Every structure is written in structure tokens, then in C-alpha cells.
Amino acid sequence: MAQYRVHVKISPWPEGGFLAEAPALQGCWVVADTVAQALADIYDGIDMSIESRLERGEPLPTEVVPVNDRKKAIELELPVRLTTG
């Protein structure tokens, strides 16, 4: 299966947990208790969204970039909060 690079944004959810969203894929977002779970869930959502669009013959958004080199398939930007003791 082809690989794609998709921008994923992770932010705190007001009621607790984390929101992970793929802005290029309208409606592709999840809320989870941890960043790790949010990443796992959004990965599944992105996979299903791309697969569904391709099956229906719809073009992918220009922000969804095909990747030929496995080493370049993942790109993350995560906020990090440091606490001092």
C-alpha cells in the first residue's frame, strides 16, 4: 500500500485528554486520554479516510503527500511542557 505524509495536530482537549486532528482530511479527528492513544487512533482514522476516498475515485487533498521513502513517512510536531521541581 502507498504511504502518505499527512499533517497531524495534537492539542489538549478542554474536558481532559487530547485532540488529534488531520486538518487536510475534513472530519478526521479523535479524542483520547493520552497522546499515544490519540496518535494511534488518528493513524487509523487517516488510513480509513484515505482508503475510502481512493475507493470512491475521489482525489486526495493536495496536503496529503505521497511518500516513496519509508524513512520520510512520519513527521510530527508536538508541544512539550516542561515542569521544574
Protein backbone atom coordinates (compact mmCIF):
# COMPACT_ATOMS: atom_id res chain seq x y z
CA MET A 1 0.00 0.00 0.00
CA ALA A 2 1.18 3.52 -0.74
CA GLN A 3 2.31 5.77 2.08
CA TYR A 4 1.32 9.38 2.57
CA ARG A 5 2.51 12.27 4.70
CA VAL A 6 -0.38 13.98 6.50
CA HIS A 7 -0.08 16.88 8.93
CA VAL A 8 -1.47 15.93 12.36
CA LYS A 9 -2.19 18.47 15.07
CA ILE A 10 -2.41 17.39 18.72
CA SER A 11 -3.77 19.71 21.39
CA PRO A 12 -5.24 19.40 24.89
CA TRP A 13 -8.99 18.69 24.99
CA PRO A 14 -10.83 21.08 27.35
CA GLU A 15 -12.54 18.25 29.27
CA GLY A 16 -9.28 16.28 29.60
CA GLY A 17 -7.27 14.15 27.25
CA PHE A 18 -6.03 15.13 23.81
CA LEU A 19 -7.50 16.05 20.45
CA ALA A 20 -5.67 14.72 17.39
CA GLU A 21 -6.79 16.01 14.02
CA ALA A 22 -5.75 15.84 10.38
CA PRO A 23 -6.89 19.24 9.06
CA ALA A 24 -6.43 18.25 5.40
CA LEU A 25 -8.94 15.42 5.80
CA GLN A 26 -12.20 17.10 6.77
CA GLY A 27 -13.85 15.38 9.72
CA CYS A 28 -10.79 13.31 10.60
CA TRP A 29 -10.25 13.85 14.33
CA VAL A 30 -10.23 11.87 17.57
CA VAL A 31 -10.16 12.50 21.31
CA ALA A 32 -8.23 10.15 23.60
CA ASP A 33 -6.91 10.03 27.16
CA THR A 34 -3.23 10.04 26.18
CA VAL A 35 -1.11 11.42 23.34
CA ALA A 36 -0.07 7.87 22.44
CA GLN A 37 -3.68 6.71 22.13
CA ALA A 38 -4.63 9.84 20.18
CA LEU A 39 -1.80 9.14 17.71
CA ALA A 40 -2.83 5.51 17.31
CA ASP A 41 -6.48 6.45 16.79
CA ILE A 42 -5.79 9.30 14.32
CA TYR A 43 -3.49 6.99 12.35
CA ASP A 44 -6.39 4.57 11.93
CA GLY A 45 -8.74 7.42 11.01
CA ILE A 46 -6.34 8.78 8.40
CA ASP A 47 -5.89 5.31 6.93
CA MET A 48 -9.66 4.80 6.65
CA SER A 49 -10.23 8.28 5.22
CA ILE A 50 -7.59 7.92 2.50
CA GLU A 51 -8.69 4.37 1.64
CA SER A 52 -12.33 5.44 1.39
CA ARG A 53 -11.55 8.41 -0.86
CA LEU A 54 -9.41 6.28 -3.17
CA GLU A 55 -12.10 3.56 -3.38
CA ARG A 56 -14.68 6.18 -4.41
CA GLY A 57 -12.28 7.61 -7.00
CA GLU A 58 -12.02 10.94 -5.20
CA PRO A 59 -8.80 12.91 -5.40
CA LEU A 60 -6.79 13.34 -2.22
CA PRO A 61 -6.26 16.87 -0.89
CA THR A 62 -3.01 18.45 -2.09
CA GLU A 63 -1.77 18.50 1.52
CA VAL A 64 -1.79 14.68 1.53
CA VAL A 65 1.61 13.94 0.01
CA PRO A 66 2.67 10.52 -1.33
CA VAL A 67 5.93 9.31 0.21
CA ASN A 68 8.21 6.88 -1.58
CA ASP A 69 10.92 6.71 1.08
CA ARG A 70 9.81 4.89 4.25
CA LYS A 71 12.30 6.90 6.31
CA LYS A 72 10.43 10.11 5.50
CA ALA A 73 6.90 8.80 6.12
CA ILE A 74 6.43 10.29 9.60
CA GLU A 75 6.64 13.92 10.55
CA LEU A 76 5.36 15.17 13.91
CA GLU A 77 5.15 18.47 15.68
CA LEU A 78 4.31 18.00 19.34
CA PRO A 79 4.04 20.56 22.13
CA VAL A 80 6.20 19.77 25.14
CA ARG A 81 5.54 21.17 28.59
CA LEU A 82 8.46 21.19 30.98
CA THR A 83 7.91 21.32 34.70
CA THR A 84 10.60 22.42 37.09
CA GLY A 85 10.88 20.94 40.53
